[in-house]
Amino acid sequence: AFSTVFAKLIDYKSGFTGRHSHEIAKKAAFMGRFYGFDKEE
């Protein structure tokens, strides 16, 4: 919940990278599911 707000604010720094932090966050969590990590990981 609060990571999403962090990502939105950080990505504001650069219009060129747009939603980079948000996309990395989503992809990292997806890879966690891919590997069978628990929800906390």
PDB file of all heavy atoms in Angstrom:
ATOM      1  N   ALA A   1       0.822  -1.217   0.000  1.00  0.00           N
ATOM      2  CA  ALA A   1       0.000   0.000   0.000  1.00  0.00           C
ATOM      3  C   ALA A   1       0.849   1.257   0.000  1.00  0.00           C
ATOM      4  O   ALA A   1       0.670   2.151  -0.831  1.00  0.00           O
ATOM      5  CB  ALA A   1      -0.941  -0.006   1.205  1.00  0.00           C
ATOM      6  N   PHE A   2       1.783   1.357   0.955  1.00  0.00           N
ATOM      7  CA  PHE A   2       2.546   2.608   0.956  1.00  0.00           C
ATOM      8  C   PHE A   2       3.716   2.588  -0.008  1.00  0.00           C
ATOM      9  O   PHE A   2       4.229   3.638  -0.381  1.00  0.00           O
ATOM     10  CB  PHE A   2       2.976   3.030   2.369  1.00  0.00           C
ATOM     11  CG  PHE A   2       3.845   2.090   3.134  1.00  0.00           C
ATOM     12  CD1 PHE A   2       5.181   1.922   2.789  1.00  0.00           C
ATOM     13  CD2 PHE A   2       3.345   1.401   4.217  1.00  0.00           C
ATOM     14  CE1 PHE A   2       5.994   1.080   3.517  1.00  0.00           C
ATOM     15  CE2 PHE A   2       4.157   0.551   4.949  1.00  0.00           C
ATOM     16  CZ  PHE A   2       5.470   0.388   4.605  1.00  0.00           C
ATOM     17  N   SER A   3       4.139   1.389  -0.455  1.00  0.00           N
ATOM     18  CA  SER A   3       5.176   1.326  -1.495  1.00  0.00           C
ATOM     19  C   SER A   3       4.689   1.972  -2.783  1.00  0.00           C
ATOM     20  O   SER A   3       5.463   2.615  -3.506  1.00  0.00           O
ATOM     21  CB  SER A   3       5.553  -0.129  -1.790  1.00  0.00           C
ATOM     22  OG  SER A   3       6.093  -0.758  -0.669  1.00  0.00           O
ATOM     23  N   THR A   4       3.413   1.794  -3.090  1.00  0.00           N
ATOM     24  CA  THR A   4       2.848   2.340  -4.327  1.00  0.00           C
ATOM     25  C   THR A   4       2.914   3.858  -4.323  1.00  0.00           C
ATOM     26  O   THR A   4       3.218   4.491  -5.348  1.00  0.00           O
ATOM     27  CB  THR A   4       1.401   1.860  -4.500  1.00  0.00           C
ATOM     28  OG1 THR A   4       1.385   0.426  -4.535  1.00  0.00           O
ATOM     29  CG2 THR A   4       0.797   2.399  -5.787  1.00  0.00           C
ATOM     30  N   VAL A   5       2.669   4.472  -3.153  1.00  0.00           N
ATOM     31  CA  VAL A   5       2.765   5.931  -3.055  1.00  0.00           C
ATOM     32  C   VAL A   5       4.219   6.363  -3.219  1.00  0.00           C
ATOM     33  O   VAL A   5       4.522   7.345  -3.899  1.00  0.00           O
ATOM     34  CB  VAL A   5       2.191   6.424  -1.715  1.00  0.00           C
ATOM     35  CG1 VAL A   5       2.301   7.940  -1.615  1.00  0.00           C
ATOM     36  CG2 VAL A   5       0.734   5.994  -1.569  1.00  0.00           C
ATOM     37  N   PHE A   6       5.145   5.628  -2.592  1.00  0.00           N
ATOM     38  CA  PHE A   6       6.573   5.913  -2.769  1.00  0.00           C
ATOM     39  C   PHE A   6       6.943   5.916  -4.251  1.00  0.00           C
ATOM     40  O   PHE A   6       7.599   6.834  -4.751  1.00  0.00           O
ATOM     41  CB  PHE A   6       7.415   4.843  -2.062  1.00  0.00           C
ATOM     42  CG  PHE A   6       7.764   5.157  -0.632  1.00  0.00           C
ATOM     43  CD1 PHE A   6       7.440   4.278   0.375  1.00  0.00           C
ATOM     44  CD2 PHE A   6       8.442   6.315  -0.306  1.00  0.00           C
ATOM     45  CE1 PHE A   6       7.777   4.543   1.693  1.00  0.00           C
ATOM     46  CE2 PHE A   6       8.797   6.598   1.007  1.00  0.00           C
ATOM     47  CZ  PHE A   6       8.456   5.702   2.006  1.00  0.00           C
ATOM     48  N   ALA A   7       6.555   4.852  -4.963  1.00  0.00           N
ATOM     49  CA  ALA A   7       6.926   4.701  -6.369  1.00  0.00           C
ATOM     50  C   ALA A   7       6.381   5.852  -7.209  1.00  0.00           C
ATOM     51  O   ALA A   7       7.072   6.387  -8.086  1.00  0.00           O
ATOM     52  CB  ALA A   7       6.431   3.363  -6.907  1.00  0.00           C
ATOM     53  N   LYS A   8       5.162   6.238  -6.942  1.00  0.00           N
ATOM     54  CA  LYS A   8       4.533   7.316  -7.697  1.00  0.00           C
ATOM     55  C   LYS A   8       5.305   8.623  -7.529  1.00  0.00           C
ATOM     56  O   LYS A   8       5.542   9.357  -8.503  1.00  0.00           O
ATOM     57  CB  LYS A   8       3.079   7.493  -7.231  1.00  0.00           C
ATOM     58  CG  LYS A   8       2.298   8.554  -7.985  1.00  0.00           C
ATOM     59  CD  LYS A   8       0.875   8.630  -7.449  1.00  0.00           C
ATOM     60  CE  LYS A   8       0.055   9.687  -8.181  1.00  0.00           C
ATOM     61  NZ  LYS A   8      -1.313   9.811  -7.616  1.00  0.00           N
ATOM     62  N   LEU A   9       5.716   8.909  -6.303  1.00  0.00           N
ATOM     63  CA  LEU A   9       6.448  10.140  -6.038  1.00  0.00           C
ATOM     64  C   LEU A   9       7.856  10.099  -6.623  1.00  0.00           C
ATOM     65  O   LEU A   9       8.334  11.085  -7.188  1.00  0.00           O
ATOM     66  CB  LEU A   9       6.510  10.386  -4.522  1.00  0.00           C
ATOM     67  CG  LEU A   9       5.185  10.790  -3.873  1.00  0.00           C
ATOM     68  CD1 LEU A   9       5.272  10.646  -2.357  1.00  0.00           C
ATOM     69  CD2 LEU A   9       4.803  12.218  -4.232  1.00  0.00           C
ATOM     70  N   ILE A  10       8.528   8.962  -6.489  1.00  0.00           N
ATOM     71  CA  ILE A  10       9.885   8.835  -7.031  1.00  0.00           C
ATOM     72  C   ILE A  10       9.877   8.959  -8.554  1.00  0.00           C
ATOM     73  O   ILE A  10      10.729   9.625  -9.145  1.00  0.00           O
ATOM     74  CB  ILE A  10      10.518   7.495  -6.592  1.00  0.00           C
ATOM     75  CG1 ILE A  10      10.766   7.514  -5.074  1.00  0.00           C
ATOM     76  CG2 ILE A  10      11.826   7.239  -7.332  1.00  0.00           C
ATOM     77  CD1 ILE A  10      11.110   6.162  -4.503  1.00  0.00           C
ATOM     78  N   ASP A  11       8.899   8.345  -9.194  1.00  0.00           N
ATOM     79  CA  ASP A  11       8.834   8.394 -10.655  1.00  0.00           C
ATOM     80  C   ASP A  11       8.522   9.787 -11.177  1.00  0.00           C
ATOM     81  O   ASP A  11       8.794  10.092 -12.339  1.00  0.00           O
ATOM     82  CB  ASP A  11       7.787   7.400 -11.174  1.00  0.00           C
ATOM     83  CG  ASP A  11       8.288   5.966 -11.145  1.00  0.00           C
ATOM     84  OD1 ASP A  11       9.515   5.773 -11.043  1.00  0.00           O
ATOM     85  OD2 ASP A  11       7.460   5.042 -11.220  1.00  0.00           O
ATOM     86  N   TYR A  12       7.951  10.641 -10.330  1.00  0.00           N
ATOM     87  CA  TYR A  12       7.702  12.016 -10.755  1.00  0.00           C
ATOM     88  C   TYR A  12       9.002  12.741 -11.089  1.00  0.00           C
ATOM     89  O   TYR A  12       9.030  13.650 -11.925  1.00  0.00           O
ATOM     90  CB  TYR A  12       6.952  12.799  -9.675  1.00  0.00           C
ATOM     91  CG  TYR A  12       6.905  14.275  -9.987  1.00  0.00           C
ATOM     92  CD1 TYR A  12       6.080  14.761 -10.999  1.00  0.00           C
ATOM     93  CD2 TYR A  12       7.739  15.173  -9.324  1.00  0.00           C
ATOM     94  CE1 TYR A  12       6.069  16.109 -11.328  1.00  0.00           C
ATOM     95  CE2 TYR A  12       7.736  16.522  -9.651  1.00  0.00           C
ATOM     96  CZ  TYR A  12       6.892  16.980 -10.646  1.00  0.00           C
ATOM     97  OH  TYR A  12       6.899  18.308 -10.973  1.00  0.00           O
ATOM     98  N   LYS A  13      10.105  12.333 -10.484  1.00  0.00           N
ATOM     99  CA  LYS A  13      11.400  12.998 -10.681  1.00  0.00           C
ATOM    100  C   LYS A  13      11.752  13.098 -12.155  1.00  0.00           C
ATOM    101  O   LYS A  13      12.318  14.087 -12.606  1.00  0.00           O
ATOM    102  CB  LYS A  13      12.478  12.220  -9.916  1.00  0.00           C
ATOM    103  CG  LYS A  13      13.906  12.680 -10.156  1.00  0.00           C
ATOM    104  CD  LYS A  13      14.216  13.969  -9.441  1.00  0.00           C
ATOM    105  CE  LYS A  13      15.688  14.332  -9.580  1.00  0.00           C
ATOM    106  NZ  LYS A  13      16.039  15.526  -8.840  1.00  0.00           N
ATOM    107  N   SER A  14      11.437  12.055 -12.908  1.00  0.00           N
ATOM    108  CA  SER A  14      11.833  12.053 -14.317  1.00  0.00           C
ATOM    109  C   SER A  14      10.673  11.673 -15.219  1.00  0.00           C
ATOM    110  O   SER A  14      10.151  10.568 -15.129  1.00  0.00           O
ATOM    111  CB  SER A  14      12.995  11.069 -14.545  1.00  0.00           C
ATOM    112  OG  SER A  14      13.274  10.962 -15.921  1.00  0.00           O
ATOM    113  N   GLY A  15      10.299  12.597 -16.089  1.00  0.00           N
ATOM    114  CA  GLY A  15       9.259  12.291 -17.057  1.00  0.00           C
ATOM    115  C   GLY A  15       9.707  11.235 -18.052  1.00  0.00           C
ATOM    116  O   GLY A  15       8.894  10.522 -18.635  1.00  0.00           O
ATOM    117  N   PHE A  16      11.034  11.106 -18.250  1.00  0.00           N
ATOM    118  CA  PHE A  16      11.555  10.146 -19.204  1.00  0.00           C
ATOM    119  C   PHE A  16      11.325   8.713 -18.735  1.00  0.00           C
ATOM    120  O   PHE A  16      11.089   7.816 -19.533  1.00  0.00           O
ATOM    121  CB  PHE A  16      13.056  10.363 -19.419  1.00  0.00           C
ATOM    122  CG  PHE A  16      13.370  11.568 -20.263  1.00  0.00           C
ATOM    123  CD1 PHE A  16      14.685  11.914 -20.529  1.00  0.00           C
ATOM    124  CD2 PHE A  16      12.367  12.363 -20.791  1.00  0.00           C
ATOM    125  CE1 PHE A  16      15.001  13.016 -21.304  1.00  0.00           C
ATOM    126  CE2 PHE A  16      12.656  13.467 -21.567  1.00  0.00           C
ATOM    127  CZ  PHE A  16      13.979  13.799 -21.819  1.00  0.00           C
ATOM    128  N   THR A  17      11.484   8.480 -17.445  1.00  0.00           N
ATOM    129  CA  THR A  17      11.357   7.111 -16.940  1.00  0.00           C
ATOM    130  C   THR A  17       9.943   6.779 -16.516  1.00  0.00           C
ATOM    131  O   THR A  17       9.656   5.630 -16.181  1.00  0.00           O
ATOM    132  CB  THR A  17      12.325   6.872 -15.768  1.00  0.00           C
ATOM    133  OG1 THR A  17      12.115   7.865 -14.762  1.00  0.00           O
ATOM    134  CG2 THR A  17      13.768   6.941 -16.242  1.00  0.00           C
ATOM    135  N   GLY A  18       9.051   7.763 -16.531  1.00  0.00           N
ATOM    136  CA  GLY A  18       7.627   7.514 -16.343  1.00  0.00           C
ATOM    137  C   GLY A  18       7.276   6.698 -15.123  1.00  0.00           C
ATOM    138  O   GLY A  18       7.354   7.178 -14.002  1.00  0.00           O
ATOM    139  N   ARG A  19       6.903   5.431 -15.359  1.00  0.00           N
ATOM    140  CA  ARG A  19       6.441   4.551 -14.289  1.00  0.00           C
ATOM    141  C   ARG A  19       7.490   3.484 -13.974  1.00  0.00           C
ATOM    142  O   ARG A  19       7.176   2.379 -13.560  1.00  0.00           O
ATOM    143  CB  ARG A  19       5.127   3.890 -14.720  1.00  0.00           C
ATOM    144  CG  ARG A  19       3.938   4.843 -14.750  1.00  0.00           C
ATOM    145  CD  ARG A  19       2.752   4.224 -15.476  1.00  0.00           C
ATOM    146  NE  ARG A  19       2.419   2.901 -14.968  1.00  0.00           N
ATOM    147  CZ  ARG A  19       1.651   2.662 -13.918  1.00  0.00           C
ATOM    148  NH1 ARG A  19       1.154   3.682 -13.233  1.00  0.00           N
ATOM    149  NH2 ARG A  19       1.365   1.437 -13.534  1.00  0.00           N
ATOM    150  N   HIS A  20       8.768   3.818 -14.134  1.00  0.00           N
ATOM    151  CA  HIS A  20       9.833   2.824 -14.003  1.00  0.00           C
ATOM    152  C   HIS A  20       9.822   2.132 -12.644  1.00  0.00           C
ATOM    153  O   HIS A  20       9.849   0.900 -12.565  1.00  0.00           O
ATOM    154  CB  HIS A  20      11.186   3.490 -14.252  1.00  0.00           C
ATOM    155  CG  HIS A  20      12.358   2.564 -14.116  1.00  0.00           C
ATOM    156  ND1 HIS A  20      12.683   1.625 -15.071  1.00  0.00           N
ATOM    157  CD2 HIS A  20      13.277   2.426 -13.124  1.00  0.00           C
ATOM    158  CE1 HIS A  20      13.758   0.954 -14.682  1.00  0.00           C
ATOM    159  NE2 HIS A  20      14.135   1.420 -13.508  1.00  0.00           N
ATOM    160  N   SER A  21       9.796   2.904 -11.564  1.00  0.00           N
ATOM    161  CA  SER A  21       9.837   2.308 -10.225  1.00  0.00           C
ATOM    162  C   SER A  21       8.609   1.442  -9.980  1.00  0.00           C
ATOM    163  O   SER A  21       8.708   0.342  -9.406  1.00  0.00           O
ATOM    164  CB  SER A  21       9.926   3.406  -9.160  1.00  0.00           C
ATOM    165  OG  SER A  21      11.112   4.146  -9.306  1.00  0.00           O
ATOM    166  N   HIS A  22       7.462   1.930 -10.413  1.00  0.00           N
ATOM    167  CA  HIS A  22       6.222   1.184 -10.226  1.00  0.00           C
ATOM    168  C   HIS A  22       6.269  -0.136 -11.002  1.00  0.00           C
ATOM    169  O   HIS A  22       5.837  -1.184 -10.492  1.00  0.00           O
ATOM    170  CB  HIS A  22       5.035   2.028 -10.675  1.00  0.00           C
ATOM    171  CG  HIS A  22       3.701   1.471 -10.299  1.00  0.00           C
ATOM    172  ND1 HIS A  22       3.298   1.323  -8.990  1.00  0.00           N
ATOM    173  CD2 HIS A  22       2.673   1.008 -11.061  1.00  0.00           C
ATOM    174  CE1 HIS A  22       2.088   0.798  -8.955  1.00  0.00           C
ATOM    175  NE2 HIS A  22       1.694   0.597 -10.191  1.00  0.00           N
ATOM    176  N   GLU A  23       6.799  -0.095 -12.212  1.00  0.00           N
ATOM    177  CA  GLU A  23       6.883  -1.309 -13.026  1.00  0.00           C
ATOM    178  C   GLU A  23       7.895  -2.304 -12.454  1.00  0.00           C
ATOM    179  O   GLU A  23       7.665  -3.512 -12.462  1.00  0.00           O
ATOM    180  CB  GLU A  23       7.256  -0.958 -14.469  1.00  0.00           C
ATOM    181  CG  GLU A  23       6.128  -0.305 -15.248  1.00  0.00           C
ATOM    182  CD  GLU A  23       4.912  -1.210 -15.395  1.00  0.00           C
ATOM    183  OE1 GLU A  23       5.085  -2.437 -15.508  1.00  0.00           O
ATOM    184  OE2 GLU A  23       3.786  -0.679 -15.381  1.00  0.00           O
ATOM    185  N   ILE A  24       9.023  -1.802 -11.951  1.00  0.00           N
ATOM    186  CA  ILE A  24       9.998  -2.689 -11.313  1.00  0.00           C
ATOM    187  C   ILE A  24       9.372  -3.350 -10.086  1.00  0.00           C
ATOM    188  O   ILE A  24       9.553  -4.551  -9.847  1.00  0.00           O
ATOM    189  CB  ILE A  24      11.260  -1.908 -10.899  1.00  0.00           C
ATOM    190  CG1 ILE A  24      12.030  -1.446 -12.142  1.00  0.00           C
ATOM    191  CG2 ILE A  24      12.155  -2.760 -10.003  1.00  0.00           C
ATOM    192  CD1 ILE A  24      12.764  -2.535 -12.876  1.00  0.00           C
ATOM    193  N   ALA A  25       8.632  -2.576  -9.309  1.00  0.00           N
ATOM    194  CA  ALA A  25       7.976  -3.122  -8.118  1.00  0.00           C
ATOM    195  C   ALA A  25       7.019  -4.250  -8.495  1.00  0.00           C
ATOM    196  O   ALA A  25       7.026  -5.331  -7.875  1.00  0.00           O
ATOM    197  CB  ALA A  25       7.231  -2.004  -7.380  1.00  0.00           C
ATOM    198  N   LYS A  26       6.193  -4.014  -9.508  1.00  0.00           N
ATOM    199  CA  LYS A  26       5.227  -5.038  -9.930  1.00  0.00           C
ATOM    200  C   LYS A  26       5.928  -6.278 -10.477  1.00  0.00           C
ATOM    201  O   LYS A  26       5.527  -7.415 -10.171  1.00  0.00           O
ATOM    202  CB  LYS A  26       4.276  -4.461 -10.984  1.00  0.00           C
ATOM    203  CG  LYS A  26       3.299  -3.414 -10.448  1.00  0.00           C
ATOM    204  CD  LYS A  26       2.199  -3.121 -11.442  1.00  0.00           C
ATOM    205  CE  LYS A  26       2.717  -2.582 -12.748  1.00  0.00           C
ATOM    206  NZ  LYS A  26       1.643  -2.272 -13.709  1.00  0.00           N
ATOM    207  N   LYS A  27       6.946  -6.063 -11.267  1.00  0.00           N
ATOM    208  CA  LYS A  27       7.653  -7.209 -11.849  1.00  0.00           C
ATOM    209  C   LYS A  27       8.412  -8.000 -10.787  1.00  0.00           C
ATOM    210  O   LYS A  27       8.499  -9.231 -10.846  1.00  0.00           O
ATOM    211  CB  LYS A  27       8.603  -6.735 -12.951  1.00  0.00           C
ATOM    212  CG  LYS A  27       7.890  -6.366 -14.260  1.00  0.00           C
ATOM    213  CD  LYS A  27       8.858  -5.934 -15.330  1.00  0.00           C
ATOM    214  CE  LYS A  27       8.176  -5.813 -16.709  1.00  0.00           C
ATOM    215  NZ  LYS A  27       7.133  -4.778 -16.744  1.00  0.00           N
ATOM    216  N   ALA A  28       8.960  -7.300  -9.802  1.00  0.00           N
ATOM    217  CA  ALA A  28       9.675  -7.991  -8.719  1.00  0.00           C
ATOM    218  C   ALA A  28       8.715  -8.870  -7.922  1.00  0.00           C
ATOM    219  O   ALA A  28       9.026 -10.023  -7.595  1.00  0.00           O
ATOM    220  CB  ALA A  28      10.351  -6.970  -7.808  1.00  0.00           C
ATOM    221  N   ALA A  29       7.537  -8.333  -7.612  1.00  0.00           N
ATOM    222  CA  ALA A  29       6.548  -9.124  -6.879  1.00  0.00           C
ATOM    223  C   ALA A  29       6.068 -10.307  -7.715  1.00  0.00           C
ATOM    224  O   ALA A  29       5.855 -11.414  -7.188  1.00  0.00           O
ATOM    225  CB  ALA A  29       5.368  -8.236  -6.484  1.00  0.00           C
ATOM    226  N   PHE A  30       5.898 -10.075  -9.020  1.00  0.00           N
ATOM    227  CA  PHE A  30       5.466 -11.160  -9.903  1.00  0.00           C
ATOM    228  C   PHE A  30       6.518 -12.273  -9.941  1.00  0.00           C
ATOM    229  O   PHE A  30       6.178 -13.464  -9.909  1.00  0.00           O
ATOM    230  CB  PHE A  30       5.231 -10.628 -11.319  1.00  0.00           C
ATOM    231  CG  PHE A  30       4.668 -11.649 -12.270  1.00  0.00           C
ATOM    232  CD1 PHE A  30       3.317 -11.954 -12.263  1.00  0.00           C
ATOM    233  CD2 PHE A  30       5.490 -12.315 -13.161  1.00  0.00           C
ATOM    234  CE1 PHE A  30       2.791 -12.905 -13.132  1.00  0.00           C
ATOM    235  CE2 PHE A  30       4.981 -13.263 -14.037  1.00  0.00           C
ATOM    236  CZ  PHE A  30       3.623 -13.562 -14.025  1.00  0.00           C
ATOM    237  N   MET A  31       7.789 -11.907  -9.988  1.00  0.00           N
ATOM    238  CA  MET A  31       8.844 -12.910  -9.966  1.00  0.00           C
ATOM    239  C   MET A  31       8.842 -13.658  -8.632  1.00  0.00           C
ATOM    240  O   MET A  31       9.143 -14.856  -8.582  1.00  0.00           O
ATOM    241  CB  MET A  31      10.210 -12.258 -10.203  1.00  0.00           C
ATOM    242  CG  MET A  31      10.431 -11.747 -11.615  1.00  0.00           C
ATOM    243  SD  MET A  31      10.212 -13.010 -12.913  1.00  0.00           S
ATOM    244  CE  MET A  31      11.532 -14.147 -12.509  1.00  0.00           C
ATOM    245  N   GLY A  32       8.491 -12.951  -7.563  1.00  0.00           N
ATOM    246  CA  GLY A  32       8.367 -13.625  -6.277  1.00  0.00           C
ATOM    247  C   GLY A  32       7.310 -14.712  -6.317  1.00  0.00           C
ATOM    248  O   GLY A  32       7.498 -15.820  -5.781  1.00  0.00           O
ATOM    249  N   ARG A  33       6.190 -14.417  -6.984  1.00  0.00           N
ATOM    250  CA  ARG A  33       5.136 -15.439  -7.144  1.00  0.00           C
ATOM    251  C   ARG A  33       5.616 -16.556  -8.067  1.00  0.00           C
ATOM    252  O   ARG A  33       5.324 -17.733  -7.828  1.00  0.00           O
ATOM    253  CB  ARG A  33       3.861 -14.787  -7.697  1.00  0.00           C
ATOM    254  CG  ARG A  33       3.188 -13.860  -6.697  1.00  0.00           C
ATOM    255  CD  ARG A  33       1.808 -13.417  -7.152  1.00  0.00           C
ATOM    256  NE  ARG A  33       1.841 -12.473  -8.255  1.00  0.00           N
ATOM    257  CZ  ARG A  33       2.048 -11.170  -8.125  1.00  0.00           C
ATOM    258  NH1 ARG A  33       2.263 -10.651  -6.925  1.00  0.00           N
ATOM    259  NH2 ARG A  33       2.044 -10.371  -9.178  1.00  0.00           N
ATOM    260  N   PHE A  34       6.346 -16.186  -9.105  1.00  0.00           N
ATOM    261  CA  PHE A  34       6.892 -17.159 -10.046  1.00  0.00           C
ATOM    262  C   PHE A  34       7.778 -18.179  -9.313  1.00  0.00           C
ATOM    263  O   PHE A  34       7.749 -19.379  -9.595  1.00  0.00           O
ATOM    264  CB  PHE A  34       7.701 -16.422 -11.121  1.00  0.00           C
ATOM    265  CG  PHE A  34       8.416 -17.308 -12.102  1.00  0.00           C
ATOM    266  CD1 PHE A  34       7.773 -17.784 -13.242  1.00  0.00           C
ATOM    267  CD2 PHE A  34       9.753 -17.663 -11.897  1.00  0.00           C
ATOM    268  CE1 PHE A  34       8.443 -18.594 -14.158  1.00  0.00           C
ATOM    269  CE2 PHE A  34      10.418 -18.474 -12.808  1.00  0.00           C
ATOM    270  CZ  PHE A  34       9.772 -18.943 -13.939  1.00  0.00           C
ATOM    271  N   TYR A  35       8.561 -17.690  -8.360  1.00  0.00           N
ATOM    272  CA  TYR A  35       9.467 -18.568  -7.613  1.00  0.00           C
ATOM    273  C   TYR A  35       8.791 -19.270  -6.425  1.00  0.00           C
ATOM    274  O   TYR A  35       9.424 -20.073  -5.755  1.00  0.00           O
ATOM    275  CB  TYR A  35      10.656 -17.765  -7.091  1.00  0.00           C
ATOM    276  CG  TYR A  35      11.624 -17.317  -8.164  1.00  0.00           C
ATOM    277  CD1 TYR A  35      11.920 -15.963  -8.336  1.00  0.00           C
ATOM    278  CD2 TYR A  35      12.254 -18.239  -8.997  1.00  0.00           C
ATOM    279  CE1 TYR A  35      12.817 -15.544  -9.314  1.00  0.00           C
ATOM    280  CE2 TYR A  35      13.144 -17.828  -9.982  1.00  0.00           C
ATOM    281  CZ  TYR A  35      13.428 -16.484 -10.141  1.00  0.00           C
ATOM    282  OH  TYR A  35      14.312 -16.077 -11.110  1.00  0.00           O
ATOM    283  N   GLY A  36       7.530 -18.937  -6.168  1.00  0.00           N
ATOM    284  CA  GLY A  36       6.830 -19.561  -5.058  1.00  0.00           C
ATOM    285  C   GLY A  36       7.181 -18.976  -3.703  1.00  0.00           C
ATOM    286  O   GLY A  36       6.967 -19.624  -2.662  1.00  0.00           O
ATOM    287  N   PHE A  37       7.705 -17.735  -3.676  1.00  0.00           N
ATOM    288  CA  PHE A  37       8.006 -17.087  -2.405  1.00  0.00           C
ATOM    289  C   PHE A  37       6.712 -16.798  -1.656  1.00  0.00           C
ATOM    290  O   PHE A  37       5.645 -16.621  -2.271  1.00  0.00           O
ATOM    291  CB  PHE A  37       8.746 -15.769  -2.628  1.00  0.00           C
ATOM    292  CG  PHE A  37      10.109 -15.905  -3.249  1.00  0.00           C
ATOM    293  CD1 PHE A  37      10.740 -14.808  -3.808  1.00  0.00           C
ATOM    294  CD2 PHE A  37      10.764 -17.125  -3.277  1.00  0.00           C
ATOM    295  CE1 PHE A  37      11.996 -14.911  -4.378  1.00  0.00           C
ATOM    296  CE2 PHE A  37      12.031 -17.259  -3.851  1.00  0.00           C
ATOM    297  CZ  PHE A  37      12.640 -16.151  -4.404  1.00  0.00           C
ATOM    298  N   ASP A  38       6.784 -16.701  -0.334  1.00  0.00           N
ATOM    299  CA  ASP A  38       5.582 -16.389   0.443  1.00  0.00           C
ATOM    300  C   ASP A  38       5.196 -14.920   0.224  1.00  0.00           C
ATOM    301  O   ASP A  38       5.947 -14.133  -0.364  1.00  0.00           O
ATOM    302  CB  ASP A  38       5.766 -16.714   1.926  1.00  0.00           C
ATOM    303  CG  ASP A  38       6.871 -15.905   2.601  1.00  0.00           C
ATOM    304  OD1 ASP A  38       7.141 -14.755   2.183  1.00  0.00           O
ATOM    305  OD2 ASP A  38       7.473 -16.408   3.564  1.00  0.00           O
ATOM    306  N   LYS A  39       4.014 -14.550   0.723  1.00  0.00           N
ATOM    307  CA  LYS A  39       3.473 -13.216   0.451  1.00  0.00           C
ATOM    308  C   LYS A  39       4.352 -12.111   1.037  1.00  0.00           C
ATOM    309  O   LYS A  39       4.462 -11.024   0.459  1.00  0.00           O
ATOM    310  CB  LYS A  39       2.044 -13.111   0.992  1.00  0.00           C
ATOM    311  CG  LYS A  39       1.030 -13.891   0.163  1.00  0.00           C
ATOM    312  CD  LYS A  39      -0.391 -13.628   0.636  1.00  0.00           C
ATOM    313  CE  LYS A  39      -1.402 -14.333  -0.263  1.00  0.00           C
ATOM    314  NZ  LYS A  39      -2.801 -14.085   0.161  1.00  0.00           N
ATOM    315  N   GLU A  40       4.967 -12.376   2.178  1.00  0.00           N
ATOM    316  CA  GLU A  40       5.824 -11.346   2.769  1.00  0.00           C
ATOM    317  C   GLU A  40       7.042 -11.087   1.889  1.00  0.00           C
ATOM    318  O   GLU A  40       7.421  -9.938   1.660  1.00  0.00           O
ATOM    319  CB  GLU A  40       6.276 -11.746   4.170  1.00  0.00           C
ATOM    320  CG  GLU A  40       7.176 -10.690   4.809  1.00  0.00           C
ATOM    321  CD  GLU A  40       7.493 -10.959   6.262  1.00  0.00           C
ATOM    322  OE1 GLU A  40       6.567 -11.316   7.013  1.00  0.00           O
ATOM    323  OE2 GLU A  40       8.666 -10.808   6.643  1.00  0.00           O
ATOM    324  N   GLU A  41       7.658 -12.155   1.382  1.00  0.00           N
ATOM    325  CA  GLU A  41       8.816 -11.995   0.510  1.00  0.00           C
ATOM    326  C   GLU A  41       8.420 -11.264  -0.774  1.00  0.00           C
ATOM    327  O   GLU A  41       9.160 -10.404  -1.272  1.00  0.00           O
ATOM    328  CB  GLU A  41       9.413 -13.356   0.183  1.00  0.00           C
ATOM    329  CG  GLU A  41      10.758 -13.305  -0.514  1.00  0.00           C
ATOM    330  CD  GLU A  41      11.931 -13.211   0.448  1.00  0.00           C
ATOM    331  OE1 GLU A  41      11.695 -12.921   1.637  1.00  0.00           O
ATOM    332  OE2 GLU A  41      13.067 -13.402   0.009  1.00  0.00           O
TER     333      GLU A  41
END
